[in-house]
């Protein structure tokens, strides 16, 4: 049975491919998950900021016209 914690070697042996020079990707470690959630949070925050800023600008235009 193959486990991803073993890295490239068992996977490449099964697939009969050479072992890559790059490190084995570990996308679900705690640091990567924290970084991804932080990026998603700030991206969502910026979207809501643009929405409310646009609505506020529209209200100002209609209020003063």
PDB file of N, CA and C in Angstrom:
ATOM      1  N   UNK A   1       0.839  -1.183   0.000  1.00  0.00           N
ATOM      2  CA  UNK A   1       0.000   0.000   0.000  1.00  0.00           C
ATOM      3  C   UNK A   1       0.882   1.243   0.000  1.00  0.00           C
ATOM      4  N   UNK A   2       0.526   2.181  -0.837  1.00  0.00           N
ATOM      5  CA  UNK A   2       1.312   3.414  -0.935  1.00  0.00           C
ATOM      6  C   UNK A   2       0.715   4.484  -0.028  1.00  0.00           C
ATOM      7  N   UNK A   3       1.597   5.218   0.638  1.00  0.00           N
ATOM      8  CA  UNK A   3       1.177   6.343   1.466  1.00  0.00           C
ATOM      9  C   UNK A   3       1.877   7.583   0.947  1.00  0.00           C
ATOM     10  N   UNK A   4       1.136   8.677   0.861  1.00  0.00           N
ATOM     11  CA  UNK A   4       1.696   9.894   0.303  1.00  0.00           C
ATOM     12  C   UNK A   4       2.841  10.467   1.134  1.00  0.00           C
ATOM     13  N   UNK A   5       2.886  10.138   2.413  1.00  0.00           N
ATOM     14  CA  UNK A   5       3.975  10.644   3.250  1.00  0.00           C
ATOM     15  C   UNK A   5       5.327  10.068   2.849  1.00  0.00           C
ATOM     16  N   UNK A   6       5.330   8.987   2.053  1.00  0.00           N
ATOM     17  CA  UNK A   6       6.574   8.368   1.599  1.00  0.00           C
ATOM     18  C   UNK A   6       7.234   9.136   0.456  1.00  0.00           C
ATOM     19  N   UNK A   7       6.514  10.062  -0.156  1.00  0.00           N
ATOM     20  CA  UNK A   7       7.092  10.914  -1.190  1.00  0.00           C
ATOM     21  C   UNK A   7       7.005  10.313  -2.583  1.00  0.00           C
ATOM     22  N   UNK A   8       7.950  10.736  -3.441  1.00  0.00           N
ATOM     23  CA  UNK A   8       7.920  10.380  -4.859  1.00  0.00           C
ATOM     24  C   UNK A   8       8.268   8.920  -5.153  1.00  0.00           C
ATOM     25  N   UNK A   9       9.187   8.341  -4.402  1.00  0.00           N
ATOM     26  CA  UNK A   9       9.783   7.054  -4.784  1.00  0.00           C
ATOM     27  C   UNK A   9       8.751   5.950  -4.980  1.00  0.00           C
ATOM     28  N   UNK A  10       7.881   5.640  -4.008  1.00  0.00           N
ATOM     29  CA  UNK A  10       6.926   4.548  -4.251  1.00  0.00           C
ATOM     30  C   UNK A  10       5.957   4.851  -5.384  1.00  0.00           C
ATOM     31  N   UNK A  11       5.544   6.105  -5.491  1.00  0.00           N
ATOM     32  CA  UNK A  11       4.622   6.492  -6.553  1.00  0.00           C
ATOM     33  C   UNK A  11       5.267   6.331  -7.925  1.00  0.00           C
ATOM     34  N   UNK A  12       6.499   6.770  -8.051  1.00  0.00           N
ATOM     35  CA  UNK A  12       7.200   6.654  -9.333  1.00  0.00           C
ATOM     36  C   UNK A  12       7.515   5.195  -9.678  1.00  0.00           C
ATOM     37  N   UNK A  13       7.745   4.369  -8.670  1.00  0.00           N
ATOM     38  CA  UNK A  13       7.972   2.951  -8.928  1.00  0.00           C
ATOM     39  C   UNK A  13       6.707   2.299  -9.488  1.00  0.00           C
ATOM     40  N   UNK A  14       5.561   2.640  -8.935  1.00  0.00           N
ATOM     41  CA  UNK A  14       4.303   2.078  -9.425  1.00  0.00           C
ATOM     42  C   UNK A  14       4.003   2.550 -10.840  1.00  0.00           C
ATOM     43  N   UNK A  15       4.243   3.828 -11.095  1.00  0.00           N
ATOM     44  CA  UNK A  15       3.954   4.405 -12.411  1.00  0.00           C
ATOM     45  C   UNK A  15       5.064   4.172 -13.426  1.00  0.00           C
ATOM     46  N   UNK A  16       6.183   3.608 -12.955  1.00  0.00           N
ATOM     47  CA  UNK A  16       7.354   3.362 -13.805  1.00  0.00           C
ATOM     48  C   UNK A  16       7.839   4.650 -14.482  1.00  0.00           C
ATOM     49  N   UNK A  17       7.987   5.651 -13.667  1.00  0.00           N
ATOM     50  CA  UNK A  17       8.471   6.963 -14.111  1.00  0.00           C
ATOM     51  C   UNK A  17       9.689   7.344 -13.290  1.00  0.00           C
ATOM     52  N   UNK A  18      10.539   8.224 -13.814  1.00  0.00           N
ATOM     53  CA  UNK A  18      11.691   8.670 -13.020  1.00  0.00           C
ATOM     54  C   UNK A  18      11.236   9.583 -11.871  1.00  0.00           C
ATOM     55  N   UNK A  19      12.011   9.568 -10.816  1.00  0.00           N
ATOM     56  CA  UNK A  19      11.714  10.410  -9.656  1.00  0.00           C
ATOM     57  C   UNK A  19      12.063  11.863 -10.004  1.00  0.00           C
ATOM     58  N   UNK A  20      11.130  12.808  -9.851  1.00  0.00           N
ATOM     59  CA  UNK A  20      11.406  14.219 -10.173  1.00  0.00           C
ATOM     60  C   UNK A  20      12.421  14.838  -9.220  1.00  0.00           C
ATOM     61  N   UNK A  21      13.041  15.914  -9.688  1.00  0.00           N
ATOM     62  CA  UNK A  21      14.005  16.642  -8.857  1.00  0.00           C
ATOM     63  C   UNK A  21      13.332  17.550  -7.844  1.00  0.00           C
ATOM     64  N   UNK A  22      12.094  17.923  -8.099  1.00  0.00           N
ATOM     65  CA  UNK A  22      11.393  18.849  -7.210  1.00  0.00           C
ATOM     66  C   UNK A  22      10.853  18.108  -5.981  1.00  0.00           C
ATOM     67  N   UNK A  23      10.653  18.827  -4.881  1.00  0.00           N
ATOM     68  CA  UNK A  23      10.130  18.178  -3.676  1.00  0.00           C
ATOM     69  C   UNK A  23       8.679  17.731  -3.868  1.00  0.00           C
ATOM     70  N   UNK A  24       8.283  16.726  -3.118  1.00  0.00           N
ATOM     71  CA  UNK A  24       6.925  16.204  -3.208  1.00  0.00           C
ATOM     72  C   UNK A  24       5.949  17.256  -2.687  1.00  0.00           C
ATOM     73  N   UNK A  25       4.884  17.560  -3.420  1.00  0.00           N
ATOM     74  CA  UNK A  25       3.959  18.622  -2.977  1.00  0.00           C
ATOM     75  C   UNK A  25       3.168  18.189  -1.745  1.00  0.00           C
ATOM     76  N   UNK A  26       3.107  19.068  -0.814  1.00  0.00           N
ATOM     77  CA  UNK A  26       2.337  18.800   0.406  1.00  0.00           C
ATOM     78  C   UNK A  26       1.352  19.947   0.592  1.00  0.00           C
ATOM     79  N   UNK A  27       0.253  19.893  -0.163  1.00  0.00           N
ATOM     80  CA  UNK A  27      -0.708  20.991  -0.202  1.00  0.00           C
ATOM     81  C   UNK A  27      -1.638  21.016   0.993  1.00  0.00           C
ATOM     82  N   UNK A  28      -1.707  19.960   1.747  1.00  0.00           N
ATOM     83  CA  UNK A  28      -2.661  19.948   2.849  1.00  0.00           C
ATOM     84  C   UNK A  28      -1.989  19.988   4.225  1.00  0.00           C
ATOM     85  N   UNK A  29      -0.775  20.514   4.302  1.00  0.00           N
ATOM     86  CA  UNK A  29      -0.184  20.678   5.617  1.00  0.00           C
ATOM     87  C   UNK A  29      -0.767  21.935   6.272  1.00  0.00           C
ATOM     88  N   UNK A  30      -0.571  22.091   7.552  1.00  0.00           N
ATOM     89  CA  UNK A  30      -1.228  23.155   8.309  1.00  0.00           C
ATOM     90  C   UNK A  30      -0.862  24.544   7.796  1.00  0.00           C
ATOM     91  N   UNK A  31       0.402  24.761   7.445  1.00  0.00           N
ATOM     92  CA  UNK A  31       0.824  26.083   6.969  1.00  0.00           C
ATOM     93  C   UNK A  31       0.172  26.427   5.635  1.00  0.00           C
ATOM     94  N   UNK A  32       0.096  25.471   4.737  1.00  0.00           N
ATOM     95  CA  UNK A  32      -0.504  25.717   3.432  1.00  0.00           C
ATOM     96  C   UNK A  32      -1.997  25.993   3.563  1.00  0.00           C
ATOM     97  N   UNK A  33      -2.673  25.270   4.430  1.00  0.00           N
ATOM     98  CA  UNK A  33      -4.103  25.493   4.640  1.00  0.00           C
ATOM     99  C   UNK A  33      -4.342  26.863   5.264  1.00  0.00           C
ATOM    100  N   UNK A  34      -3.526  27.247   6.220  1.00  0.00           N
ATOM    101  CA  UNK A  34      -3.667  28.561   6.848  1.00  0.00           C
ATOM    102  C   UNK A  34      -3.428  29.675   5.840  1.00  0.00           C
ATOM    103  N   UNK A  35      -2.431  29.530   4.992  1.00  0.00           N
ATOM    104  CA  UNK A  35      -2.142  30.543   3.976  1.00  0.00           C
ATOM    105  C   UNK A  35      -3.283  30.644   2.962  1.00  0.00           C
ATOM    106  N   UNK A  36      -3.804  29.509   2.528  1.00  0.00           N
ATOM    107  CA  UNK A  36      -4.910  29.512   1.578  1.00  0.00           C
ATOM    108  C   UNK A  36      -6.152  30.155   2.171  1.00  0.00           C
ATOM    109  N   UNK A  37      -6.475  29.821   3.419  1.00  0.00           N
ATOM    110  CA  UNK A  37      -7.658  30.412   4.038  1.00  0.00           C
ATOM    111  C   UNK A  37      -7.483  31.913   4.237  1.00  0.00           C
ATOM    112  N   UNK A  38      -6.262  32.355   4.531  1.00  0.00           N
ATOM    113  CA  UNK A  38      -6.002  33.792   4.673  1.00  0.00           C
ATOM    114  C   UNK A  38      -6.200  34.515   3.342  1.00  0.00           C
ATOM    115  N   UNK A  39      -5.702  33.920   2.253  1.00  0.00           N
ATOM    116  CA  UNK A  39      -5.882  34.539   0.939  1.00  0.00           C
ATOM    117  C   UNK A  39      -7.350  34.601   0.547  1.00  0.00           C
ATOM    118  N   UNK A  40      -8.085  33.529   0.810  1.00  0.00           N
ATOM    119  CA  UNK A  40      -9.513  33.512   0.481  1.00  0.00           C
ATOM    120  C   UNK A  40     -10.260  34.556   1.302  1.00  0.00           C
ATOM    121  N   UNK A  41      -9.935  34.674   2.594  1.00  0.00           N
ATOM    122  CA  UNK A  41     -10.586  35.659   3.447  1.00  0.00           C
ATOM    123  C   UNK A  41     -10.353  37.074   2.940  1.00  0.00           C
ATOM    124  N   UNK A  42      -9.096  37.426   2.627  1.00  0.00           N
ATOM    125  CA  UNK A  42      -8.799  38.787   2.185  1.00  0.00           C
ATOM    126  C   UNK A  42      -9.372  39.071   0.801  1.00  0.00           C
ATOM    127  N   UNK A  43      -9.418  38.073  -0.069  1.00  0.00           N
ATOM    128  CA  UNK A  43     -10.028  38.268  -1.376  1.00  0.00           C
ATOM    129  C   UNK A  43     -11.527  38.526  -1.228  1.00  0.00           C
ATOM    130  N   UNK A  44     -12.177  37.768  -0.356  1.00  0.00           N
ATOM    131  CA  UNK A  44     -13.600  37.970  -0.105  1.00  0.00           C
ATOM    132  C   UNK A  44     -13.845  39.329   0.536  1.00  0.00           C
ATOM    133  N   UNK A  45     -12.992  39.721   1.455  1.00  0.00           N
ATOM    134  CA  UNK A  45     -13.101  41.027   2.089  1.00  0.00           C
ATOM    135  C   UNK A  45     -12.992  42.151   1.068  1.00  0.00           C
ATOM    136  N   UNK A  46     -12.073  42.015   0.114  1.00  0.00           N
ATOM    137  CA  UNK A  46     -11.921  43.044  -0.916  1.00  0.00           C
ATOM    138  C   UNK A  46     -13.147  43.110  -1.825  1.00  0.00           C
ATOM    139  N   UNK A  47     -13.731  41.964  -2.152  1.00  0.00           N
ATOM    140  CA  UNK A  47     -14.936  41.959  -2.991  1.00  0.00           C
ATOM    141  C   UNK A  47     -16.059  42.704  -2.291  1.00  0.00           C
ATOM    142  N   UNK A  48     -16.277  42.399  -1.007  1.00  0.00           N
ATOM    143  CA  UNK A  48     -17.333  43.086  -0.270  1.00  0.00           C
ATOM    144  C   UNK A  48     -17.036  44.566  -0.118  1.00  0.00           C
ATOM    145  N   UNK A  49     -15.783  44.942   0.046  1.00  0.00           N
ATOM    146  CA  UNK A  49     -15.415  46.352   0.129  1.00  0.00           C
ATOM    147  C   UNK A  49     -15.772  47.077  -1.162  1.00  0.00           C
ATOM    148  N   UNK A  50     -15.460  46.470  -2.303  1.00  0.00           N
ATOM    149  CA  UNK A  50     -15.780  47.086  -3.596  1.00  0.00           C
ATOM    150  C   UNK A  50     -17.289  47.213  -3.767  1.00  0.00           C
ATOM    151  N   UNK A  51     -18.033  46.189  -3.357  1.00  0.00           N
ATOM    152  CA  UNK A  51     -19.499  46.242  -3.481  1.00  0.00           C
ATOM    153  C   UNK A  51     -20.061  47.388  -2.638  1.00  0.00           C
ATOM    154  N   UNK A  52     -19.674  47.469  -1.370  1.00  0.00           N
ATOM    155  CA  UNK A  52     -20.198  48.519  -0.509  1.00  0.00           C
ATOM    156  C   UNK A  52     -19.693  49.906  -0.914  1.00  0.00           C
ATOM    157  N   UNK A  53     -18.464  50.013  -1.379  1.00  0.00           N
ATOM    158  CA  UNK A  53     -17.953  51.297  -1.844  1.00  0.00           C
ATOM    159  C   UNK A  53     -18.726  51.750  -3.079  1.00  0.00           C
ATOM    160  N   UNK A  54     -19.021  50.831  -3.989  1.00  0.00           N
ATOM    161  CA  UNK A  54     -19.810  51.174  -5.172  1.00  0.00           C
ATOM    162  C   UNK A  54     -21.212  51.601  -4.811  1.00  0.00           C
ATOM    163  N   UNK A  55     -21.846  50.892  -3.885  1.00  0.00           N
ATOM    164  CA  UNK A  55     -23.188  51.281  -3.438  1.00  0.00           C
ATOM    165  C   UNK A  55     -23.164  52.639  -2.746  1.00  0.00           C
ATOM    166  N   UNK A  56     -22.151  52.865  -1.940  1.00  0.00           N
ATOM    167  CA  UNK A  56     -22.026  54.163  -1.276  1.00  0.00           C
ATOM    168  C   UNK A  56     -21.832  55.288  -2.273  1.00  0.00           C
ATOM    169  N   UNK A  57     -21.047  55.043  -3.285  1.00  0.00           N
ATOM    170  CA  UNK A  57     -20.835  56.055  -4.318  1.00  0.00           C
ATOM    171  C   UNK A  57     -22.125  56.339  -5.073  1.00  0.00           C
ATOM    172  N   UNK A  58     -22.876  55.304  -5.393  1.00  0.00           N
ATOM    173  CA  UNK A  58     -24.164  55.494  -6.065  1.00  0.00           C
ATOM    174  C   UNK A  58     -25.132  56.288  -5.188  1.00  0.00           C
ATOM    175  N   UNK A  59     -25.168  55.987  -3.904  1.00  0.00           N
ATOM    176  CA  UNK A  59     -26.036  56.736  -3.002  1.00  0.00           C
ATOM    177  C   UNK A  59     -25.634  58.205  -2.932  1.00  0.00           C
ATOM    178  N   UNK A  60     -24.341  58.464  -2.902  1.00  0.00           N
ATOM    179  CA  UNK A  60     -23.885  59.857  -2.890  1.00  0.00           C
ATOM    180  C   UNK A  60     -24.265  60.585  -4.174  1.00  0.00           C
ATOM    181  N   UNK A  61     -24.141  59.919  -5.307  1.00  0.00           N
ATOM    182  CA  UNK A  61     -24.485  60.547  -6.578  1.00  0.00           C
ATOM    183  C   UNK A  61     -25.981  60.867  -6.617  1.00  0.00           C
ATOM    184  N   UNK A  62     -26.805  59.937  -6.216  1.00  0.00           N
ATOM    185  CA  UNK A  62     -28.253  60.176  -6.231  1.00  0.00           C
ATOM    186  C   UNK A  62     -28.668  61.190  -5.166  1.00  0.00           C
ATOM    187  N   UNK A  63     -27.967  61.217  -4.048  1.00  0.00           N
ATOM    188  CA  UNK A  63     -28.313  62.151  -2.969  1.00  0.00           C
ATOM    189  C   UNK A  63     -28.042  63.599  -3.392  1.00  0.00           C
ATOM    190  N   UNK A  64     -26.914  63.832  -4.092  1.00  0.00           N
ATOM    191  CA  UNK A  64     -26.526  65.187  -4.446  1.00  0.00           C
ATOM    192  C   UNK A  64     -26.975  65.592  -5.845  1.00  0.00           C
ATOM    193  N   UNK A  65     -27.732  64.755  -6.552  1.00  0.00           N
ATOM    194  CA  UNK A  65     -28.164  65.175  -7.886  1.00  0.00           C
ATOM    195  C   UNK A  65     -29.622  65.577  -7.893  1.00  0.00           C
TER     196      UNK A  65
END
